[in-house]
Protein backbone atom coordinates (compact mmCIF):
# COMPACT_ATOMS: atom_id res chain seq x y z
CA MET A 1 22.22 54.68 2.94
CA LYS A 2 20.39 54.82 6.23
CA LYS A 3 16.95 54.92 4.52
CA HIS A 4 17.82 51.87 2.43
CA THR A 5 18.69 49.83 5.52
CA LYS A 6 15.45 50.70 7.31
CA ARG A 7 13.34 49.61 4.34
CA TYR A 8 14.90 46.12 4.34
CA ALA A 9 14.83 45.84 8.11
CA ARG A 10 11.03 45.96 8.06
CA ARG A 11 10.80 43.24 5.40
CA ARG A 12 12.76 40.42 7.07
CA GLY A 13 9.93 37.91 7.83
CA PHE A 14 6.84 36.58 6.13
CA THR A 15 3.43 38.02 6.80
CA LEU A 16 0.66 35.88 8.21
CA ILE A 17 -1.16 35.95 4.88
CA GLU A 18 1.90 34.66 3.01
CA VAL A 19 2.29 31.80 5.50
CA MET A 20 -1.43 30.94 5.21
CA ILE A 21 -1.24 30.88 1.40
CA VAL A 22 1.74 28.53 1.47
CA LEU A 23 -0.05 26.24 3.96
CA LEU A 24 -3.17 26.16 1.78
CA ILE A 25 -1.12 25.25 -1.28
CA MET A 26 0.64 22.48 0.65
CA LEU A 27 -2.67 21.11 1.96
CA ALA A 28 -4.14 21.12 -1.55
CA LEU A 29 -1.14 19.20 -2.91
CA ALA A 30 -1.32 16.68 -0.04
CA GLY A 31 -5.04 16.19 -0.70
CA LEU A 32 -4.38 15.50 -4.37
CA ALA A 33 -1.67 12.98 -3.46
CA VAL A 34 -3.94 11.11 -1.05
CA PHE A 35 -6.80 11.07 -3.56
CA SER A 36 -4.50 9.74 -6.27
CA TYR A 37 -3.04 7.07 -3.95
CA THR A 38 -6.50 5.88 -2.89
CA GLY A 39 -7.58 5.39 -6.51
CA THR A 40 -4.38 3.53 -7.32
CA LEU A 41 -4.72 1.30 -4.26
CA GLU A 42 -8.33 0.45 -5.12
CA SER A 43 -7.38 -0.44 -8.69
CA ALA A 44 -4.54 -2.65 -7.46
CA ASN A 45 -6.86 -4.42 -5.00
CA ARG A 46 -9.38 -5.11 -7.78
CA LYS A 47 -6.70 -6.53 -10.09
CA ASN A 48 -5.22 -8.63 -7.28
CA THR A 49 -8.64 -10.03 -6.42
CA LEU A 50 -9.43 -10.92 -10.03
CA THR A 51 -6.08 -12.66 -10.38
CA TYR A 52 -6.71 -14.67 -7.23
CA VAL A 53 -10.24 -15.58 -8.36
CA LYS A 54 -8.76 -16.90 -11.62
CA GLY A 55 -6.28 -18.94 -9.55
CA LEU A 56 -9.14 -20.40 -7.52
CA ALA A 57 -10.98 -21.24 -10.74
CA SER A 58 -7.87 -23.04 -12.04
CA ALA A 59 -7.56 -25.00 -8.79
CA LEU A 60 -11.23 -25.97 -9.07
CA GLU A 61 -10.60 -27.24 -12.61
CA LEU A 62 -7.72 -29.39 -11.31
CA TYR A 63 -9.99 -30.71 -8.58
CA LYS A 64 -12.58 -31.69 -11.19
CA VAL A 65 -9.95 -33.52 -13.26
CA GLY A 66 -8.94 -35.59 -10.24
CA VAL A 67 -12.26 -36.16 -8.51
CA GLY A 68 -14.57 -36.06 -11.52
CA GLN A 69 -16.74 -33.17 -10.38
CA TYR A 70 -16.46 -29.78 -8.74
CA PRO A 71 -16.81 -29.56 -4.97
CA SER A 72 -20.38 -29.01 -3.84
CA THR A 73 -21.43 -25.70 -2.36
CA GLU A 74 -21.47 -27.36 1.06
CA GLN A 75 -17.91 -28.67 0.62
CA GLY A 76 -16.84 -25.20 -0.49
CA LEU A 77 -13.36 -23.97 -1.27
CA GLY A 78 -12.02 -25.89 1.72
CA ALA A 79 -12.17 -29.00 -0.50
CA LEU A 80 -9.18 -27.59 -2.38
CA GLN A 81 -6.98 -27.86 0.72
CA GLU A 82 -8.41 -30.88 2.54
CA ALA A 83 -10.19 -33.91 1.12
CA PRO A 84 -13.92 -33.79 1.86
CA GLN A 85 -15.17 -36.60 4.10
CA ASP A 86 -18.06 -37.44 1.79
CA LEU A 87 -16.08 -38.30 -1.37
CA VAL A 88 -17.25 -41.46 -3.15
CA ASN A 89 -13.64 -42.35 -3.98
CA PRO A 90 -11.31 -40.69 -1.45
CA ASN A 91 -8.24 -41.90 -3.39
CA SER A 92 -9.22 -39.71 -6.34
CA TRP A 93 -8.44 -36.54 -4.36
CA ALA A 94 -4.89 -35.54 -5.33
CA GLY A 95 -4.64 -32.29 -3.39
CA PRO A 96 -4.03 -30.00 -1.85
CA TYR A 97 -4.85 -27.93 -4.90
CA LEU A 98 -3.86 -24.70 -3.17
CA LYS A 99 -0.77 -23.93 -1.13
CA ASP A 100 -1.21 -23.90 2.64
CA SER A 101 -0.52 -20.18 2.63
CA ALA A 102 -3.29 -19.48 0.13
CA ALA A 103 -5.37 -16.47 1.07
CA THR A 104 -8.85 -17.14 2.34
CA GLU A 105 -9.83 -13.46 2.35
CA ASP A 106 -9.87 -10.78 -0.33
CA PRO A 107 -7.99 -7.48 0.15
CA TRP A 108 -11.05 -6.00 1.92
CA GLY A 109 -11.15 -8.77 4.53
CA ASN A 110 -14.08 -10.70 3.03
CA PRO A 111 -13.97 -14.48 2.55
CA TYR A 112 -14.11 -15.67 -1.05
CA GLN A 113 -17.50 -17.08 -2.02
CA TYR A 114 -18.23 -20.30 -3.92
CA VAL A 115 -21.41 -21.84 -5.36
CA CYS A 116 -21.78 -24.94 -7.51
CA PRO A 117 -23.61 -25.08 -9.84
CA GLY A 118 -23.02 -21.46 -10.70
CA ASN A 119 -25.55 -18.90 -11.87
CA ARG A 120 -23.34 -16.18 -13.31
CA SER A 121 -20.38 -17.84 -15.03
CA ARG A 122 -20.12 -20.43 -17.78
CA ASP A 123 -17.57 -22.47 -15.82
CA GLY A 124 -20.14 -24.58 -13.98
CA PHE A 125 -19.40 -22.80 -10.69
CA ASP A 126 -19.22 -19.27 -9.35
CA VAL A 127 -16.27 -18.12 -7.28
CA TRP A 128 -16.12 -14.46 -6.28
CA SER A 129 -15.32 -11.67 -3.86
CA ILE A 130 -18.15 -9.51 -2.59
CA GLY A 131 -15.89 -6.49 -3.12
CA PRO A 132 -15.11 -3.37 -1.15
CA ASP A 133 -18.73 -2.53 -0.28
CA ARG A 134 -19.09 -5.92 1.51
CA VAL A 135 -22.53 -6.44 -0.03
CA ASP A 136 -23.09 -9.65 -1.96
CA GLY A 137 -24.86 -9.26 -5.29
CA SER A 138 -23.88 -5.63 -5.85
CA ASP A 139 -22.15 -4.14 -8.89
CA ASP A 140 -18.68 -4.27 -7.36
CA ASP A 141 -18.61 -8.08 -6.94
CA LEU A 142 -15.54 -9.60 -8.63
CA GLY A 143 -15.86 -13.16 -9.86
CA ASN A 144 -14.95 -15.67 -12.52
CA TRP A 145 -17.54 -13.97 -14.74
CA THR A 146 -16.00 -10.47 -14.42
CA LYS A 147 -14.39 -9.06 -17.58
CA GLU A 148 -11.54 -6.69 -16.82
């Protein structure tokens, strides 16, 4: 019985190699979780941005119904919240067409862009986000022409 007790007495703790293996496994699992979360967050940001761009496009359509034309590029998206000073008929503006709390920046901190007449969409105007790379005109731009 004495030999049996000595054998177990030596084997009470973990060896350094066992601890290192467990730490490596935990780090690998944490890395996979972070990678998965980042991809999910990026996808959610893209969908959120496209939804907001569609909302801006709808507000621009309402503006056109009231005023008779889309805001000029110079008037910009600000014309949806405050009547432009250079309107021919200021009484035709029935806004604001966006809530006061409407976001002016996309999820990456970039202001939404607007050009009228548009070059990329069939709507008569282009409204878009320059996307996560913060470079206008790149492949990750999200606008009223984006299919997703």
